[in-house]
């Protein structure tokens, strides 16, 4: 049953991306696909402690924040990205060993 549902979704997705349902549906389908793909890549980078991948993905996330009129997220994201890029190499080594996490109780100072 799940396989049938996924096959129907693939057919629907293909039709929408070909423009069968109109240009608005085509645009939003592509947009949702891009954001979903970006989210998966970002979560993979966080879960695998891949700081290099995280730094590579973050500019695209910041662009989306800017495009969605979230200037504070975009502004602070740029600052955070710059601090990650210029951080002491030992910090990047630590994050690669499994200490790449977020906690509201702990303040990480760069």
Protein backbone atom coordinates (compact mmCIF):
# COMPACT_ATOMS: atom_id res chain seq x y z
CA UNK A 1 0.00 0.00 0.00
CA UNK A 2 2.78 2.42 0.87
CA UNK A 3 4.59 1.60 -2.35
CA UNK A 4 1.46 2.30 -4.40
CA UNK A 5 1.00 5.60 -2.63
CA UNK A 6 4.59 6.61 -3.33
CA UNK A 7 4.26 5.65 -7.00
CA UNK A 8 1.12 7.80 -7.28
CA UNK A 9 2.94 10.66 -5.60
CA UNK A 10 5.86 10.32 -8.04
CA UNK A 11 3.45 10.49 -10.98
CA UNK A 12 1.71 13.52 -9.48
CA UNK A 13 5.04 15.23 -8.75
CA UNK A 14 6.24 14.63 -12.32
CA UNK A 15 3.03 16.07 -13.76
CA UNK A 16 3.23 19.15 -11.57
CA UNK A 17 6.90 19.74 -12.41
CA UNK A 18 6.07 19.45 -16.12
CA UNK A 19 3.54 22.26 -15.67
CA UNK A 20 0.40 20.23 -16.26
CA UNK A 21 -1.30 21.84 -13.25
CA UNK A 22 -0.16 25.35 -14.07
CA UNK A 23 2.87 27.55 -13.46
CA UNK A 24 1.99 28.40 -9.84
CA UNK A 25 1.79 24.74 -8.85
CA UNK A 26 5.01 24.07 -10.75
CA UNK A 27 6.79 26.89 -8.90
CA UNK A 28 5.62 25.87 -5.44
CA UNK A 29 6.30 22.20 -6.03
CA UNK A 30 9.87 23.02 -6.98
CA UNK A 31 10.20 25.34 -4.01
CA UNK A 32 8.93 22.74 -1.53
CA UNK A 33 11.23 20.13 -3.08
CA UNK A 34 14.23 22.47 -2.72
CA UNK A 35 13.47 23.34 0.91
CA UNK A 36 12.87 19.68 1.77
CA UNK A 37 16.18 18.70 0.18
CA UNK A 38 17.99 21.49 2.00
CA UNK A 39 16.43 20.44 5.31
CA UNK A 40 17.53 16.83 4.80
CA UNK A 41 21.09 17.94 3.98
CA UNK A 42 21.20 20.24 6.99
CA UNK A 43 19.92 17.56 9.37
CA UNK A 44 22.40 15.04 7.94
CA UNK A 45 25.25 17.48 8.57
CA UNK A 46 24.13 18.04 12.16
CA UNK A 47 23.52 14.37 12.94
CA UNK A 48 26.82 13.21 11.46
CA UNK A 49 28.78 16.11 13.00
CA UNK A 50 29.99 17.17 9.56
CA UNK A 51 30.97 20.77 10.28
CA UNK A 52 32.26 21.26 6.72
CA UNK A 53 28.92 20.25 5.24
CA UNK A 54 27.10 22.42 7.77
CA UNK A 55 29.18 25.45 6.82
CA UNK A 56 28.55 24.71 3.13
CA UNK A 57 24.76 24.45 3.58
CA UNK A 58 24.29 27.40 5.93
CA UNK A 59 24.57 30.17 3.24
CA UNK A 60 21.61 28.66 1.36
CA UNK A 61 19.58 28.51 4.57
CA UNK A 62 20.43 32.16 5.23
CA UNK A 63 19.29 33.06 1.69
CA UNK A 64 15.94 31.41 2.37
CA UNK A 65 15.59 33.35 5.63
CA UNK A 66 16.27 36.56 3.73
CA UNK A 67 13.81 35.63 1.00
CA UNK A 68 11.10 34.87 3.56
CA UNK A 69 11.54 38.32 5.14
CA UNK A 70 13.28 37.06 8.25
CA UNK A 71 16.07 39.64 8.38
CA UNK A 72 17.04 38.92 11.97
CA UNK A 73 17.58 35.23 11.22
CA UNK A 74 19.54 36.16 8.10
CA UNK A 75 21.63 38.76 9.93
CA UNK A 76 22.47 36.54 12.89
CA UNK A 77 22.99 33.58 10.57
CA UNK A 78 25.63 35.54 8.67
CA UNK A 79 27.37 36.43 11.92
CA UNK A 80 27.23 32.82 13.11
CA UNK A 81 28.57 31.58 9.77
CA UNK A 82 31.46 34.04 9.88
CA UNK A 83 32.30 32.99 13.43
CA UNK A 84 32.27 29.33 12.38
CA UNK A 85 34.55 30.03 9.43
CA UNK A 86 37.04 32.01 11.52
CA UNK A 87 36.86 29.86 14.65
CA UNK A 88 39.88 28.17 16.17
CA UNK A 89 40.57 24.92 14.26
CA UNK A 90 40.33 23.00 17.54
CA UNK A 91 36.64 23.89 17.72
CA UNK A 92 36.08 22.33 14.29
CA UNK A 93 38.02 19.27 15.43
CA UNK A 94 35.81 18.95 18.51
CA UNK A 95 32.62 19.27 16.47
CA UNK A 96 33.83 16.55 14.12
CA UNK A 97 34.29 14.24 17.10
CA UNK A 98 30.69 14.45 18.19
CA UNK A 99 30.21 17.63 20.16
CA UNK A 100 28.14 19.45 17.55
CA UNK A 101 24.91 20.10 19.40
CA UNK A 102 22.55 22.77 20.56
CA UNK A 103 21.24 23.25 24.05
CA UNK A 104 19.28 26.18 25.37
CA UNK A 105 20.93 25.73 28.77
CA UNK A 106 24.52 25.92 27.52
CA UNK A 107 26.01 29.05 26.00
CA UNK A 108 28.77 28.39 23.49
CA UNK A 109 31.26 31.21 23.29
CA UNK A 110 33.38 31.78 20.21
